[in-house]
Amino acid sequence: MDGGWALILSAAVTAVGGILVTLISLFRRESRTDHDIVLSNLRIMNQGIGRVETKIDKVDSRLTNHLISHAIEGLDNERRVNKNRTEGNTEIS
């Protein structure tokens, strides 16, 4: 191979390499943008989960207090709640 062909071949390899590098860098930018969008959505979901857990804790404590009040005071229809928290006609001892 003479010098002219070597120069053409090296220019072609450089051009193909430059095109590949450009495409890869564009893909990386797009991927980074996608990751940023996903990360922001995950942060929003995490905040929502925290609020749901707080609400569940509040409902749990309200329900526990409600069941305890029924166990102490009895139900409206004069039925009582047994020790195992099931309804029955027997009173709590």
C-alpha atoms as a PDB file:
ATOM      1  CA  MET A   1       0.000   0.000   0.000  1.00  0.00           C
ATOM      2  CA  ASP A   2       1.407   3.335  -0.933  1.00  0.00           C
ATOM      3  CA  GLY A   3       1.171   6.552   1.109  1.00  0.00           C
ATOM      4  CA  GLY A   4      -1.933   7.865  -0.641  1.00  0.00           C
ATOM      5  CA  TRP A   5      -4.057   4.838   0.189  1.00  0.00           C
ATOM      6  CA  ALA A   6      -2.786   4.812   3.763  1.00  0.00           C
ATOM      7  CA  LEU A   7      -3.822   8.440   4.146  1.00  0.00           C
ATOM      8  CA  ILE A   8      -7.310   7.738   2.737  1.00  0.00           C
ATOM      9  CA  LEU A   9      -7.720   4.680   4.975  1.00  0.00           C
ATOM     10  CA  SER A  10      -6.654   6.561   8.100  1.00  0.00           C
ATOM     11  CA  ALA A  11      -9.034   9.425   7.248  1.00  0.00           C
ATOM     12  CA  ALA A  12     -11.912   6.953   6.783  1.00  0.00           C
ATOM     13  CA  VAL A  13     -11.170   5.233  10.111  1.00  0.00           C
ATOM     14  CA  THR A  14     -10.997   8.608  11.847  1.00  0.00           C
ATOM     15  CA  ALA A  15     -14.304   9.700  10.318  1.00  0.00           C
ATOM     16  CA  VAL A  16     -16.077   6.491  11.331  1.00  0.00           C
ATOM     17  CA  GLY A  17     -14.585   6.737  14.833  1.00  0.00           C
ATOM     18  CA  GLY A  18     -15.703  10.369  15.116  1.00  0.00           C
ATOM     19  CA  ILE A  19     -19.238   9.468  14.080  1.00  0.00           C
ATOM     20  CA  LEU A  20     -19.348   6.630  16.616  1.00  0.00           C
ATOM     21  CA  VAL A  21     -18.064   8.853  19.414  1.00  0.00           C
ATOM     22  CA  THR A  22     -20.675  11.511  18.554  1.00  0.00           C
ATOM     23  CA  LEU A  23     -23.503   8.956  18.601  1.00  0.00           C
ATOM     24  CA  ILE A  24     -22.344   7.502  21.914  1.00  0.00           C
ATOM     25  CA  SER A  25     -22.121  10.946  23.527  1.00  0.00           C
ATOM     26  CA  LEU A  26     -25.637  11.807  22.314  1.00  0.00           C
ATOM     27  CA  PHE A  27     -26.943   8.556  23.765  1.00  0.00           C
ATOM     28  CA  ARG A  28     -25.232   9.262  27.093  1.00  0.00           C
ATOM     29  CA  ARG A  29     -26.840  12.719  27.287  1.00  0.00           C
ATOM     30  CA  GLU A  30     -30.228  11.241  26.541  1.00  0.00           C
ATOM     31  CA  SER A  31     -29.658   8.502  29.105  1.00  0.00           C
ATOM     32  CA  ARG A  32     -28.636  11.056  31.743  1.00  0.00           C
ATOM     33  CA  THR A  33     -31.803  13.056  31.057  1.00  0.00           C
ATOM     34  CA  ASP A  34     -33.911   9.902  31.366  1.00  0.00           C
ATOM     35  CA  HIS A  35     -32.211   9.034  34.651  1.00  0.00           C
ATOM     36  CA  ASP A  36     -32.882  12.533  35.988  1.00  0.00           C
ATOM     37  CA  ILE A  37     -36.578  12.192  35.131  1.00  0.00           C
ATOM     38  CA  VAL A  38     -36.797   8.776  36.779  1.00  0.00           C
ATOM     39  CA  LEU A  39     -34.970  10.026  39.871  1.00  0.00           C
ATOM     40  CA  SER A  40     -37.339  12.974  40.282  1.00  0.00           C
ATOM     41  CA  ASN A  41     -40.344  10.631  39.934  1.00  0.00           C
ATOM     42  CA  LEU A  42     -38.872   8.279  42.552  1.00  0.00           C
ATOM     43  CA  ARG A  43     -38.392  11.190  44.956  1.00  0.00           C
ATOM     44  CA  ILE A  44     -42.026  12.220  44.501  1.00  0.00           C
ATOM     45  CA  MET A  45     -43.160   8.630  45.094  1.00  0.00           C
ATOM     46  CA  ASN A  46     -40.981   8.374  48.211  1.00  0.00           C
ATOM     47  CA  GLN A  47     -42.606  11.502  49.683  1.00  0.00           C
ATOM     48  CA  GLY A  48     -46.037  10.044  48.943  1.00  0.00           C
ATOM     49  CA  ILE A  49     -45.141   6.756  50.621  1.00  0.00           C
ATOM     50  CA  GLY A  50     -43.995   8.627  53.722  1.00  0.00           C
ATOM     51  CA  ARG A  51     -47.341  10.411  53.939  1.00  0.00           C
ATOM     52  CA  VAL A  52     -49.244   7.146  53.464  1.00  0.00           C
ATOM     53  CA  GLU A  53     -47.238   5.474  56.245  1.00  0.00           C
ATOM     54  CA  THR A  54     -48.036   8.385  58.561  1.00  0.00           C
ATOM     55  CA  LYS A  55     -51.734   8.118  57.730  1.00  0.00           C
ATOM     56  CA  ILE A  56     -51.680   4.357  58.325  1.00  0.00           C
ATOM     57  CA  ASP A  57     -50.085   4.892  61.735  1.00  0.00           C
ATOM     58  CA  LYS A  58     -52.799   7.418  62.638  1.00  0.00           C
ATOM     59  CA  VAL A  59     -55.594   5.085  61.514  1.00  0.00           C
ATOM     60  CA  ASP A  60     -53.966   2.194  63.382  1.00  0.00           C
ATOM     61  CA  SER A  61     -53.850   4.162  66.633  1.00  0.00           C
ATOM     62  CA  ARG A  62     -57.437   5.386  66.180  1.00  0.00           C
ATOM     63  CA  LEU A  63     -58.670   1.855  65.516  1.00  0.00           C
ATOM     64  CA  THR A  64     -56.767   0.500  68.523  1.00  0.00           C
ATOM     65  CA  ASN A  65     -58.261   3.208  70.754  1.00  0.00           C
ATOM     66  CA  HIS A  66     -61.704   2.453  69.339  1.00  0.00           C
ATOM     67  CA  LEU A  67     -61.377  -1.263  70.046  1.00  0.00           C
ATOM     68  CA  ILE A  68     -60.126  -0.579  73.567  1.00  0.00           C
ATOM     69  CA  SER A  69     -63.053   1.739  74.241  1.00  0.00           C
ATOM     70  CA  HIS A  70     -65.451  -0.988  73.094  1.00  0.00           C
ATOM     71  CA  ALA A  71     -63.695  -3.526  75.277  1.00  0.00           C
ATOM     72  CA  ILE A  72     -64.019  -1.245  78.307  1.00  0.00           C
ATOM     73  CA  GLU A  73     -67.454   0.292  77.695  1.00  0.00           C
ATOM     74  CA  GLY A  74     -69.129  -2.458  75.685  1.00  0.00           C
ATOM     75  CA  LEU A  75     -70.915  -2.224  72.407  1.00  0.00           C
ATOM     76  CA  ASP A  76     -74.088  -0.220  71.780  1.00  0.00           C
ATOM     77  CA  ASN A  77     -76.239  -3.358  71.486  1.00  0.00           C
ATOM     78  CA  GLU A  78     -75.142  -4.548  74.939  1.00  0.00           C
ATOM     79  CA  ARG A  79     -72.771  -7.122  73.498  1.00  0.00           C
ATOM     80  CA  ARG A  80     -69.224  -7.286  74.795  1.00  0.00           C
ATOM     81  CA  VAL A  81     -65.867  -7.895  73.175  1.00  0.00           C
ATOM     82  CA  ASN A  82     -64.046 -10.973  74.451  1.00  0.00           C
ATOM     83  CA  LYS A  83     -60.362 -10.987  75.390  1.00  0.00           C
ATOM     84  CA  ASN A  84     -59.513 -12.279  71.939  1.00  0.00           C
ATOM     85  CA  ARG A  85     -61.387  -9.228  70.547  1.00  0.00           C
ATOM     86  CA  THR A  86     -64.298 -11.170  69.091  1.00  0.00           C
ATOM     87  CA  GLU A  87     -67.895 -10.239  69.777  1.00  0.00           C
ATOM     88  CA  GLY A  88     -69.983 -12.341  72.056  1.00  0.00           C
ATOM     89  CA  ASN A  89     -72.633 -12.177  74.755  1.00  0.00           C
ATOM     90  CA  THR A  90     -70.180 -12.743  77.580  1.00  0.00           C
ATOM     91  CA  GLU A  91     -68.662  -9.892  79.523  1.00  0.00           C
ATOM     92  CA  ILE A  92     -64.946  -9.196  79.789  1.00  0.00           C
ATOM     93  CA  SER A  93     -63.520 -10.373  83.079  1.00  0.00           C
END
